[in-house]
């Protein structure tokens, strides 16, 4: 009886281990596996919006998919900007950082509404992952961002309004954003 229990216990352990290893190897991808097409989602943002004529606007554009390593980037993204007079300006081609985004400065020269759109060209992204390492080959499809309206007005806007100096009693700590206070408080940070 003891011998039968020992055989059943050994058989059960062997079966569990076999099934565990089988599940692990089934879950691991085959080396060189192409996972297929992935839909990409382009974006664009403009800060500040609205802005005054001849003032700088920071354009933040890219796709929503980050990359695996810091040194990698999405390549050759462009931004088309339709000016109020109907002419087209192009920013780029530009490469992103590993977060999937990048930035550029644009200076509008006329009053009106500008139409901005990011264009992401289709491209492959190849990387290794897992143990043992498996090679993934992903194809990110081309995409265009929704159109963003940038409103440009004749009057300039204040970028970073200051905080006036105090005219009554005040205490420390002083908020670091009150940069004008350095004349009376010094570089206290």
N, C-alpha and C. Protein backbone atom coordinates (compact mmCIF):
# COMPACT_ATOMS: atom_id res chain seq x y z
N UNK A 1 0.82 -1.19 0.00
CA UNK A 1 0.00 0.00 0.00
C UNK A 1 0.87 1.26 0.00
N UNK A 2 1.94 1.24 0.84
CA UNK A 2 2.83 2.38 0.89
C UNK A 2 3.52 2.59 -0.46
N UNK A 3 3.87 1.46 -1.08
CA UNK A 3 4.54 1.54 -2.37
C UNK A 3 3.62 2.17 -3.42
N UNK A 4 2.34 1.83 -3.39
CA UNK A 4 1.37 2.37 -4.34
C UNK A 4 1.18 3.86 -4.13
N UNK A 5 1.12 4.30 -2.87
CA UNK A 5 0.98 5.74 -2.57
C UNK A 5 2.21 6.50 -3.06
N UNK A 6 3.39 5.92 -2.87
CA UNK A 6 4.62 6.58 -3.31
C UNK A 6 4.64 6.70 -4.83
N UNK A 7 4.19 5.66 -5.55
CA UNK A 7 4.15 5.70 -7.01
C UNK A 7 3.15 6.75 -7.47
N UNK A 8 1.97 6.80 -6.84
CA UNK A 8 0.95 7.80 -7.20
C UNK A 8 1.48 9.22 -6.95
N UNK A 9 2.17 9.43 -5.84
CA UNK A 9 2.71 10.75 -5.52
C UNK A 9 3.77 11.15 -6.55
N UNK A 10 4.67 10.23 -6.90
CA UNK A 10 5.70 10.50 -7.88
C UNK A 10 5.09 10.77 -9.25
N UNK A 11 4.12 9.98 -9.63
CA UNK A 11 3.44 10.17 -10.91
C UNK A 11 2.74 11.52 -10.96
N UNK A 12 2.10 11.90 -9.89
CA UNK A 12 1.39 13.19 -9.83
C UNK A 12 2.38 14.35 -9.95
N UNK A 13 3.49 14.28 -9.25
CA UNK A 13 4.50 15.34 -9.33
C UNK A 13 5.06 15.42 -10.75
N UNK A 14 5.38 14.28 -11.34
CA UNK A 14 5.92 14.27 -12.70
C UNK A 14 4.91 14.85 -13.69
N UNK A 15 3.63 14.50 -13.53
CA UNK A 15 2.59 15.01 -14.43
C UNK A 15 2.44 16.52 -14.28
N UNK A 16 2.45 17.02 -13.04
CA UNK A 16 2.33 18.46 -12.80
C UNK A 16 3.51 19.20 -13.41
N UNK A 17 4.72 18.69 -13.20
CA UNK A 17 5.91 19.33 -13.78
C UNK A 17 5.86 19.32 -15.31
N UNK A 18 5.45 18.21 -15.88
CA UNK A 18 5.36 18.11 -17.34
C UNK A 18 4.35 19.12 -17.89
N UNK A 19 3.19 19.21 -17.27
CA UNK A 19 2.18 20.17 -17.71
C UNK A 19 2.64 21.61 -17.51
N UNK A 20 3.36 21.87 -16.43
CA UNK A 20 3.88 23.22 -16.18
C UNK A 20 4.87 23.62 -17.27
N UNK A 21 5.82 22.74 -17.57
CA UNK A 21 6.79 23.05 -18.63
C UNK A 21 6.11 23.19 -19.98
N UNK A 22 5.14 22.37 -20.25
CA UNK A 22 4.42 22.47 -21.52
C UNK A 22 3.70 23.81 -21.63
N UNK A 23 3.08 24.24 -20.55
CA UNK A 23 2.37 25.53 -20.56
C UNK A 23 3.35 26.68 -20.77
N UNK A 24 4.52 26.61 -20.15
CA UNK A 24 5.53 27.66 -20.31
C UNK A 24 5.99 27.73 -21.77
N UNK A 25 6.29 26.58 -22.36
CA UNK A 25 6.79 26.59 -23.74
C UNK A 25 5.71 26.95 -24.76
N UNK A 26 4.48 26.66 -24.45
CA UNK A 26 3.39 27.07 -25.34
C UNK A 26 3.21 28.59 -25.26
N UNK A 27 3.36 29.15 -24.06
CA UNK A 27 3.17 30.58 -23.87
C UNK A 27 4.31 31.40 -24.47
N UNK A 28 5.52 30.83 -24.51
CA UNK A 28 6.65 31.56 -25.08
C UNK A 28 6.53 31.61 -26.59
N UNK A 29 6.81 32.77 -27.19
CA UNK A 29 6.73 32.86 -28.64
C UNK A 29 7.90 32.14 -29.32
N UNK A 30 7.69 31.77 -30.53
CA UNK A 30 8.74 31.13 -31.32
C UNK A 30 9.71 32.21 -31.79
N UNK A 31 11.00 31.92 -31.75
CA UNK A 31 12.00 32.90 -32.16
C UNK A 31 11.78 33.31 -33.61
N UNK A 32 11.87 34.61 -33.88
CA UNK A 32 11.67 35.12 -35.22
C UNK A 32 10.21 35.35 -35.57
N UNK A 33 9.35 35.22 -34.60
CA UNK A 33 7.92 35.36 -34.84
C UNK A 33 7.56 36.79 -35.21
N UNK A 34 6.78 36.96 -36.26
CA UNK A 34 6.26 38.27 -36.62
C UNK A 34 4.88 38.40 -36.00
N UNK A 35 4.71 39.40 -35.16
CA UNK A 35 3.44 39.55 -34.45
C UNK A 35 2.39 40.21 -35.33
N UNK A 36 2.83 40.96 -36.34
CA UNK A 36 1.86 41.51 -37.28
C UNK A 36 1.73 43.01 -37.23
N UNK A 37 0.64 43.50 -37.84
CA UNK A 37 0.40 44.93 -37.96
C UNK A 37 -0.20 45.50 -36.67
N UNK A 38 0.24 46.71 -36.34
CA UNK A 38 -0.30 47.42 -35.19
C UNK A 38 -0.76 48.79 -35.66
N UNK A 39 -1.96 49.16 -35.31
CA UNK A 39 -2.49 50.48 -35.67
C UNK A 39 -1.78 51.53 -34.82
N UNK A 40 -1.34 52.61 -35.45
CA UNK A 40 -0.68 53.69 -34.71
C UNK A 40 -1.64 54.86 -34.55
N UNK A 41 -1.38 55.67 -33.54
CA UNK A 41 -2.23 56.82 -33.24
C UNK A 41 -1.35 58.06 -33.09
N UNK A 42 -1.39 58.91 -34.10
CA UNK A 42 -0.61 60.15 -34.08
C UNK A 42 -1.31 61.20 -33.23
N UNK A 43 -0.51 62.13 -32.70
CA UNK A 43 -1.08 63.23 -31.92
C UNK A 43 -0.32 64.51 -32.20
N UNK A 44 -0.95 65.64 -31.87
CA UNK A 44 -0.28 66.95 -31.94
C UNK A 44 -0.88 67.85 -30.89
N UNK A 45 -0.03 68.68 -30.29
CA UNK A 45 -0.46 69.69 -29.33
C UNK A 45 0.31 70.97 -29.59
N UNK A 46 -0.29 72.10 -29.28
CA UNK A 46 0.36 73.40 -29.47
C UNK A 46 0.17 74.23 -28.20
N UNK A 47 1.28 74.75 -27.67
CA UNK A 47 1.23 75.55 -26.46
C UNK A 47 2.07 76.80 -26.65
N UNK A 48 1.54 77.99 -26.40
CA UNK A 48 0.19 78.29 -25.97
C UNK A 48 -0.77 78.34 -27.16
N UNK A 49 -2.02 78.23 -26.85
CA UNK A 49 -3.07 78.31 -27.87
C UNK A 49 -4.30 78.91 -27.20
N UNK A 50 -4.68 80.14 -27.52
CA UNK A 50 -4.23 81.02 -28.59
C UNK A 50 -2.89 81.67 -28.29
N UNK A 51 -2.32 82.27 -29.35
CA UNK A 51 -1.02 82.91 -29.26
C UNK A 51 -1.05 84.19 -30.09
N UNK A 52 -0.12 85.10 -29.84
CA UNK A 52 -0.02 86.33 -30.63
C UNK A 52 0.87 86.14 -31.85
N UNK A 53 0.70 87.01 -32.83
CA UNK A 53 1.54 86.98 -34.03
C UNK A 53 3.01 87.15 -33.62
N UNK A 54 3.90 86.42 -34.27
CA UNK A 54 5.34 86.44 -34.04
C UNK A 54 5.76 85.96 -32.66
N UNK A 55 4.91 85.22 -31.98
CA UNK A 55 5.29 84.60 -30.72
C UNK A 55 5.51 83.11 -30.96
N UNK A 56 6.43 82.55 -30.20
CA UNK A 56 6.77 81.13 -30.37
C UNK A 56 5.65 80.23 -29.84
N UNK A 57 5.43 79.13 -30.58
CA UNK A 57 4.49 78.09 -30.17
C UNK A 57 5.27 76.78 -30.11
N UNK A 58 5.13 76.04 -29.01
CA UNK A 58 5.76 74.74 -28.89
C UNK A 58 4.81 73.70 -29.47
N UNK A 59 5.27 72.99 -30.49
CA UNK A 59 4.50 71.90 -31.07
C UNK A 59 5.01 70.60 -30.46
N UNK A 60 4.10 69.83 -29.88
CA UNK A 60 4.45 68.52 -29.34
C UNK A 60 3.70 67.50 -30.19
N UNK A 61 4.47 66.62 -30.87
CA UNK A 61 3.83 65.67 -31.78
C UNK A 61 4.54 64.33 -31.75
N UNK A 62 3.86 63.30 -32.22
CA UNK A 62 4.42 61.95 -32.25
C UNK A 62 3.31 60.93 -32.36
N UNK A 63 3.58 59.71 -31.83
CA UNK A 63 2.54 58.70 -31.75
C UNK A 63 2.47 58.22 -30.29
N UNK A 64 1.37 57.57 -29.96
CA UNK A 64 1.12 57.19 -28.56
C UNK A 64 1.92 55.98 -28.11
N UNK A 65 2.62 55.31 -29.01
CA UNK A 65 3.35 54.09 -28.66
C UNK A 65 4.81 54.40 -28.30
N UNK A 66 5.22 54.14 -27.05
CA UNK A 66 6.63 54.35 -26.70
C UNK A 66 7.48 53.21 -27.25
N UNK A 67 8.78 53.42 -27.22
CA UNK A 67 9.72 52.41 -27.70
C UNK A 67 10.35 51.67 -26.53
N UNK A 68 11.11 50.63 -26.84
CA UNK A 68 11.65 49.77 -25.80
C UNK A 68 12.86 50.35 -25.08
N UNK A 69 13.76 51.01 -25.81
CA UNK A 69 15.00 51.51 -25.23
C UNK A 69 15.16 53.00 -25.47
N UNK A 70 15.94 53.66 -24.62
CA UNK A 70 16.12 55.11 -24.68
C UNK A 70 16.70 55.57 -26.02
N UNK A 71 17.57 54.84 -26.62
CA UNK A 71 18.21 55.26 -27.85
C UNK A 71 17.37 55.07 -29.11
N UNK A 72 16.19 54.50 -28.99
CA UNK A 72 15.36 54.24 -30.15
C UNK A 72 14.43 55.42 -30.43
N UNK A 73 13.96 55.51 -31.68
CA UNK A 73 13.05 56.60 -32.05
C UNK A 73 12.20 56.19 -33.24
N UNK A 74 11.03 56.81 -33.33
CA UNK A 74 10.22 56.72 -34.55
C UNK A 74 10.81 57.73 -35.52
N UNK A 75 10.83 57.41 -36.79
CA UNK A 75 11.55 58.21 -37.79
C UNK A 75 10.60 58.97 -38.73
N UNK A 76 11.08 60.13 -39.17
CA UNK A 76 10.51 60.88 -40.29
C UNK A 76 9.07 61.34 -40.11
N UNK A 77 8.68 61.73 -38.91
CA UNK A 77 7.35 62.32 -38.71
C UNK A 77 7.36 63.75 -39.25
N UNK A 78 6.23 64.19 -39.78
CA UNK A 78 6.10 65.56 -40.25
C UNK A 78 4.81 66.16 -39.71
N UNK A 79 4.80 67.48 -39.67
CA UNK A 79 3.59 68.23 -39.30
C UNK A 79 3.30 69.19 -40.45
N UNK A 80 2.08 69.12 -40.97
CA UNK A 80 1.68 70.11 -41.97
C UNK A 80 0.86 71.18 -41.27
N UNK A 81 1.14 72.43 -41.63
CA UNK A 81 0.47 73.58 -41.03
C UNK A 81 -0.14 74.40 -42.16
N UNK A 82 -1.48 74.42 -42.20
CA UNK A 82 -2.16 75.23 -43.20
C UNK A 82 -2.41 76.61 -42.60
N UNK A 83 -1.78 77.63 -43.19
CA UNK A 83 -1.92 78.99 -42.70
C UNK A 83 -3.28 79.57 -43.12
N UNK A 84 -3.68 80.68 -42.51
CA UNK A 84 -4.96 81.30 -42.87
C UNK A 84 -5.05 81.72 -44.34
N UNK A 85 -3.90 82.01 -44.98
CA UNK A 85 -3.91 82.40 -46.39
C UNK A 85 -3.94 81.20 -47.33
N UNK A 86 -4.00 79.98 -46.79
CA UNK A 86 -4.09 78.77 -47.60
C UNK A 86 -2.75 78.13 -47.92
N UNK A 87 -1.65 78.79 -47.64
CA UNK A 87 -0.32 78.22 -47.88
C UNK A 87 -0.03 77.13 -46.84
N UNK A 88 0.86 76.22 -47.20
CA UNK A 88 1.21 75.10 -46.33
C UNK A 88 2.65 75.21 -45.87
N UNK A 89 2.88 75.11 -44.56
CA UNK A 89 4.22 74.99 -43.99
C UNK A 89 4.38 73.55 -43.52
N UNK A 90 5.61 73.04 -43.60
CA UNK A 90 5.89 71.69 -43.14
C UNK A 90 6.99 71.73 -42.10
N UNK A 91 6.76 71.08 -40.98
CA UNK A 91 7.76 70.93 -39.93
C UNK A 91 8.26 69.50 -40.00
N UNK A 92 9.57 69.32 -40.07
CA UNK A 92 10.13 67.99 -40.13
C UNK A 92 10.72 67.72 -41.50
N UNK A 93 11.15 66.49 -41.75
CA UNK A 93 10.91 65.29 -40.95
C UNK A 93 11.68 65.32 -39.64
N UNK A 94 11.07 64.71 -38.62
CA UNK A 94 11.65 64.70 -37.29
C UNK A 94 11.59 63.29 -36.71
N UNK A 95 12.55 62.98 -35.85
CA UNK A 95 12.56 61.72 -35.13
C UNK A 95 12.10 61.99 -33.70
N UNK A 96 11.41 61.03 -33.12
CA UNK A 96 10.93 61.18 -31.76
C UNK A 96 12.00 60.72 -30.77
N UNK A 97 11.70 60.90 -29.48
CA UNK A 97 12.52 60.25 -28.47
C UNK A 97 11.83 58.92 -28.14
N UNK A 98 12.31 58.21 -27.14
CA UNK A 98 11.78 56.88 -26.83
C UNK A 98 10.35 56.90 -26.31
N UNK A 99 9.86 58.07 -25.88
CA UNK A 99 8.47 58.14 -25.41
C UNK A 99 7.48 58.15 -26.56
N UNK A 100 7.97 58.34 -27.78
CA UNK A 100 7.10 58.40 -28.94
C UNK A 100 6.78 59.81 -29.38
N UNK A 101 7.26 60.82 -28.67
CA UNK A 101 6.97 62.21 -29.00
C UNK A 101 8.22 63.05 -29.16
N UNK A 102 8.04 64.21 -29.74
CA UNK A 102 9.12 65.18 -29.89
C UNK A 102 8.51 66.57 -29.93
N UNK A 103 9.35 67.59 -29.96
CA UNK A 103 8.85 68.96 -29.97
C UNK A 103 9.62 69.83 -30.94
N UNK A 104 8.96 70.82 -31.46
CA UNK A 104 9.58 71.83 -32.32
C UNK A 104 8.91 73.17 -32.03
N UNK A 105 9.63 74.25 -32.35
CA UNK A 105 9.10 75.60 -32.20
C UNK A 105 8.57 76.07 -33.56
N UNK A 106 7.40 76.70 -33.54
CA UNK A 106 6.83 77.30 -34.75
C UNK A 106 6.43 78.72 -34.42
N UNK A 107 6.68 79.65 -35.34
CA UNK A 107 6.34 81.05 -35.13
C UNK A 107 5.35 81.49 -36.22
N UNK A 108 4.07 81.66 -35.85
CA UNK A 108 3.09 82.12 -36.84
C UNK A 108 3.28 83.60 -37.16
N UNK A 109 3.13 83.96 -38.44
CA UNK A 109 3.42 85.33 -38.90
C UNK A 109 2.17 86.12 -39.28
N UNK A 110 0.97 85.50 -39.20
CA UNK A 110 -0.25 86.23 -39.56
C UNK A 110 -1.41 85.84 -38.66
N UNK A 111 -2.36 86.74 -38.53
CA UNK A 111 -3.54 86.52 -37.69
C UNK A 111 -4.48 85.54 -38.39
N UNK A 112 -5.12 84.68 -37.60
CA UNK A 112 -6.10 83.74 -38.14
C UNK A 112 -5.99 82.39 -37.49
N UNK A 113 -6.70 81.43 -38.07
CA UNK A 113 -6.70 80.07 -37.54
C UNK A 113 -5.82 79.19 -38.42
N UNK A 114 -4.85 78.54 -37.80
CA UNK A 114 -3.95 77.62 -38.47
C UNK A 114 -4.45 76.20 -38.21
N UNK A 115 -4.30 75.32 -39.21
CA UNK A 115 -4.70 73.92 -39.07
C UNK A 115 -3.45 73.05 -39.06
N UNK A 116 -3.24 72.30 -37.97
CA UNK A 116 -2.03 71.50 -37.79
C UNK A 116 -2.39 70.02 -37.78
N UNK A 117 -1.55 69.21 -38.41
CA UNK A 117 -1.77 67.76 -38.43
C UNK A 117 -0.44 67.03 -38.51
N UNK A 118 -0.29 66.00 -37.67
CA UNK A 118 0.90 65.15 -37.67
C UNK A 118 0.71 63.99 -38.64
N UNK A 119 1.81 63.62 -39.32
CA UNK A 119 1.79 62.48 -40.24
C UNK A 119 2.89 61.51 -39.84
N UNK A 120 2.47 60.28 -39.50
CA UNK A 120 3.41 59.23 -39.11
C UNK A 120 3.53 58.23 -40.25
N UNK A 121 4.74 58.07 -40.83
CA UNK A 121 4.89 57.09 -41.91
C UNK A 121 4.99 55.67 -41.33
N UNK A 122 4.44 54.71 -42.02
CA UNK A 122 4.51 53.32 -41.57
C UNK A 122 5.96 52.90 -41.40
N UNK A 123 6.21 52.08 -40.38
CA UNK A 123 7.58 51.60 -40.16
C UNK A 123 7.60 50.36 -39.29
N UNK A 124 8.68 49.62 -39.42
CA UNK A 124 8.90 48.41 -38.65
C UNK A 124 9.58 48.74 -37.33
N UNK A 125 9.23 47.96 -36.31
CA UNK A 125 9.92 48.05 -35.03
C UNK A 125 10.30 46.63 -34.64
N UNK A 126 11.58 46.38 -34.53
CA UNK A 126 12.09 45.05 -34.22
C UNK A 126 12.74 45.06 -32.84
N UNK A 127 12.41 44.07 -32.02
CA UNK A 127 13.01 43.99 -30.69
C UNK A 127 12.99 42.57 -30.18
N UNK A 128 13.78 42.32 -29.15
CA UNK A 128 13.84 41.01 -28.50
C UNK A 128 13.24 41.12 -27.12
N UNK A 129 12.56 40.06 -26.70
CA UNK A 129 11.98 40.03 -25.35
C UNK A 129 11.80 38.58 -24.93
N UNK A 130 11.68 38.39 -23.63
CA UNK A 130 11.40 37.07 -23.08
C UNK A 130 12.66 36.29 -22.77
N UNK A 131 12.44 35.11 -22.20
CA UNK A 131 13.55 34.21 -21.90
C UNK A 131 13.16 32.82 -22.32
N UNK A 132 13.83 32.18 -23.22
CA UNK A 132 14.93 32.73 -23.99
C UNK A 132 14.44 33.84 -24.92
N UNK A 133 15.35 34.77 -25.31
CA UNK A 133 14.92 35.92 -26.10
C UNK A 133 14.25 35.50 -27.41
N UNK A 134 13.14 36.13 -27.70
CA UNK A 134 12.43 35.92 -28.95
C UNK A 134 12.46 37.22 -29.73
N UNK A 135 12.55 37.12 -31.04
CA UNK A 135 12.60 38.30 -31.90
C UNK A 135 11.19 38.66 -32.35
N UNK A 136 10.80 39.91 -32.12
CA UNK A 136 9.50 40.40 -32.56
C UNK A 136 9.72 41.40 -33.69
N UNK A 137 8.91 41.31 -34.71
CA UNK A 137 8.95 42.22 -35.84
C UNK A 137 7.55 42.81 -35.98
N UNK A 138 7.39 44.05 -35.54
CA UNK A 138 6.08 44.68 -35.55
C UNK A 138 6.02 45.75 -36.63
N UNK A 139 4.94 45.78 -37.35
CA UNK A 139 4.74 46.77 -38.40
C UNK A 139 3.70 47.78 -37.91
N UNK A 140 4.14 49.01 -37.67
CA UNK A 140 3.23 50.06 -37.23
C UNK A 140 2.69 50.78 -38.46
N UNK A 141 1.38 50.78 -38.60
CA UNK A 141 0.73 51.38 -39.77
C UNK A 141 0.83 52.89 -39.74
N UNK A 142 0.81 53.50 -40.92
CA UNK A 142 0.83 54.96 -41.04
C UNK A 142 -0.43 55.54 -40.44
N UNK A 143 -0.31 56.75 -39.90
CA UNK A 143 -1.49 57.42 -39.33
C UNK A 143 -1.34 58.93 -39.40
N UNK A 144 -2.46 59.60 -39.36
CA UNK A 144 -2.53 61.06 -39.30
C UNK A 144 -3.29 61.44 -38.04
N UNK A 145 -2.84 62.48 -37.37
CA UNK A 145 -3.50 62.94 -36.15
C UNK A 145 -4.79 63.67 -36.51
N UNK A 146 -5.68 63.83 -35.54
CA UNK A 146 -6.80 64.74 -35.77
C UNK A 146 -6.26 66.15 -36.01
N UNK A 147 -6.99 66.96 -36.76
CA UNK A 147 -6.54 68.32 -37.06
C UNK A 147 -6.72 69.19 -35.83
N UNK A 148 -5.68 69.95 -35.51
CA UNK A 148 -5.69 70.87 -34.38
C UNK A 148 -5.77 72.30 -34.91
N UNK A 149 -6.66 73.10 -34.33
CA UNK A 149 -6.75 74.50 -34.70
C UNK A 149 -5.91 75.34 -33.75
N UNK A 150 -5.00 76.13 -34.33
CA UNK A 150 -4.18 77.06 -33.57
C UNK A 150 -4.69 78.46 -33.88
N UNK A 151 -5.16 79.16 -32.86
CA UNK A 151 -5.70 80.51 -33.04
C UNK A 151 -4.59 81.52 -32.80
N UNK A 152 -4.35 82.38 -33.80
CA UNK A 152 -3.32 83.40 -33.71
C UNK A 152 -4.01 84.76 -33.73
N UNK A 153 -3.75 85.55 -32.71
CA UNK A 153 -4.38 86.88 -32.58
C UNK A 153 -3.34 87.97 -32.76
N UNK A 154 -3.82 89.19 -32.98
CA UNK A 154 -2.92 90.32 -33.21
C UNK A 154 -2.16 90.71 -31.94
N UNK A 155 -2.83 90.68 -30.80
CA UNK A 155 -2.22 91.08 -29.54
C UNK A 155 -1.39 89.95 -28.95
N UNK A 156 -0.17 90.25 -28.50
CA UNK A 156 0.65 89.19 -27.89
C UNK A 156 0.05 88.77 -26.54
N UNK A 157 0.31 87.54 -26.17
CA UNK A 157 -0.15 87.05 -24.87
C UNK A 157 1.05 87.00 -23.94
N UNK A 158 0.82 87.22 -22.64
CA UNK A 158 1.95 87.09 -21.70
C UNK A 158 2.27 85.60 -21.51
N UNK A 159 3.54 85.25 -21.69
CA UNK A 159 3.94 83.85 -21.55
C UNK A 159 3.92 83.39 -20.10
N UNK A 160 4.56 84.16 -19.27
CA UNK A 160 4.77 83.73 -17.90
C UNK A 160 4.67 84.96 -17.03
N UNK A 161 3.45 85.37 -16.70
CA UNK A 161 3.29 86.61 -15.95
C UNK A 161 4.01 86.55 -14.60
N UNK A 162 4.56 87.69 -14.22
CA UNK A 162 5.32 87.76 -12.98
C UNK A 162 4.44 87.98 -11.76
N UNK A 163 5.06 87.88 -10.61
CA UNK A 163 4.40 88.13 -9.33
C UNK A 163 5.00 89.41 -8.76
N UNK A 164 4.17 90.40 -8.51
CA UNK A 164 4.69 91.69 -8.04
C UNK A 164 5.32 91.55 -6.65
N UNK A 165 6.25 92.46 -6.36
CA UNK A 165 6.91 92.46 -5.07
C UNK A 165 5.92 92.81 -3.97
N UNK A 166 6.17 92.34 -2.75
CA UNK A 166 5.22 92.60 -1.66
C UNK A 166 5.27 94.07 -1.21
N UNK A 167 4.14 94.56 -0.72
CA UNK A 167 4.11 95.91 -0.14
C UNK A 167 3.66 95.84 1.32
N UNK A 168 3.72 94.65 1.88
CA UNK A 168 3.40 94.45 3.30
C UNK A 168 4.29 93.35 3.84
N UNK A 169 4.11 92.97 5.09
CA UNK A 169 4.92 91.95 5.74
C UNK A 169 4.77 90.62 5.02
N UNK A 170 5.88 89.89 4.87
CA UNK A 170 5.86 88.57 4.26
C UNK A 170 6.83 87.65 4.98
N UNK A 171 6.65 86.35 4.83
CA UNK A 171 7.50 85.36 5.50
C UNK A 171 8.04 84.36 4.48
N UNK A 172 9.03 83.62 4.94
CA UNK A 172 9.57 82.55 4.11
C UNK A 172 8.87 81.26 4.48
N UNK A 173 8.81 80.27 3.68
CA UNK A 173 9.45 80.16 2.38
C UNK A 173 8.68 80.96 1.32
N UNK A 174 9.41 81.40 0.33
CA UNK A 174 8.83 82.13 -0.79
C UNK A 174 8.66 81.13 -1.93
N UNK A 175 7.52 81.17 -2.55
CA UNK A 175 7.26 80.26 -3.67
C UNK A 175 8.30 80.50 -4.76
N UNK A 176 8.92 79.43 -5.25
CA UNK A 176 9.98 79.53 -6.24
C UNK A 176 9.48 80.13 -7.56
N UNK A 177 8.17 80.10 -7.79
CA UNK A 177 7.62 80.66 -9.02
C UNK A 177 7.59 82.19 -8.98
N UNK A 178 7.79 82.77 -7.82
CA UNK A 178 7.83 84.23 -7.70
C UNK A 178 9.24 84.70 -7.99
N UNK A 179 9.68 84.57 -9.23
CA UNK A 179 11.07 84.82 -9.61
C UNK A 179 11.48 86.27 -9.43
N UNK A 180 10.55 87.21 -9.49
CA UNK A 180 10.87 88.63 -9.31
C UNK A 180 11.31 88.94 -7.88
N UNK A 181 10.97 88.09 -6.95
CA UNK A 181 11.30 88.30 -5.54
C UNK A 181 12.78 88.08 -5.26
N UNK A 182 13.54 87.55 -6.22
CA UNK A 182 14.96 87.30 -5.97
C UNK A 182 15.71 88.59 -5.66
N UNK A 183 15.19 89.74 -6.08
CA UNK A 183 15.84 91.04 -5.79
C UNK A 183 15.82 91.34 -4.29
N UNK A 184 14.80 90.88 -3.60
CA UNK A 184 14.73 91.17 -2.14
C UNK A 184 15.03 89.95 -1.29
N UNK A 185 14.94 88.73 -1.88
CA UNK A 185 15.13 87.53 -1.08
C UNK A 185 16.41 86.80 -1.41
N UNK A 186 17.04 87.12 -2.52
CA UNK A 186 18.25 86.40 -2.92
C UNK A 186 17.90 85.03 -3.47
N UNK A 187 18.93 84.25 -3.72
CA UNK A 187 18.73 82.92 -4.23
C UNK A 187 18.56 81.98 -3.05
N UNK A 188 17.42 82.00 -2.45
CA UNK A 188 17.21 81.27 -1.21
C UNK A 188 17.07 79.76 -1.43
N UNK A 189 16.80 79.34 -2.64
CA UNK A 189 16.71 77.90 -2.89
C UNK A 189 18.10 77.29 -2.88
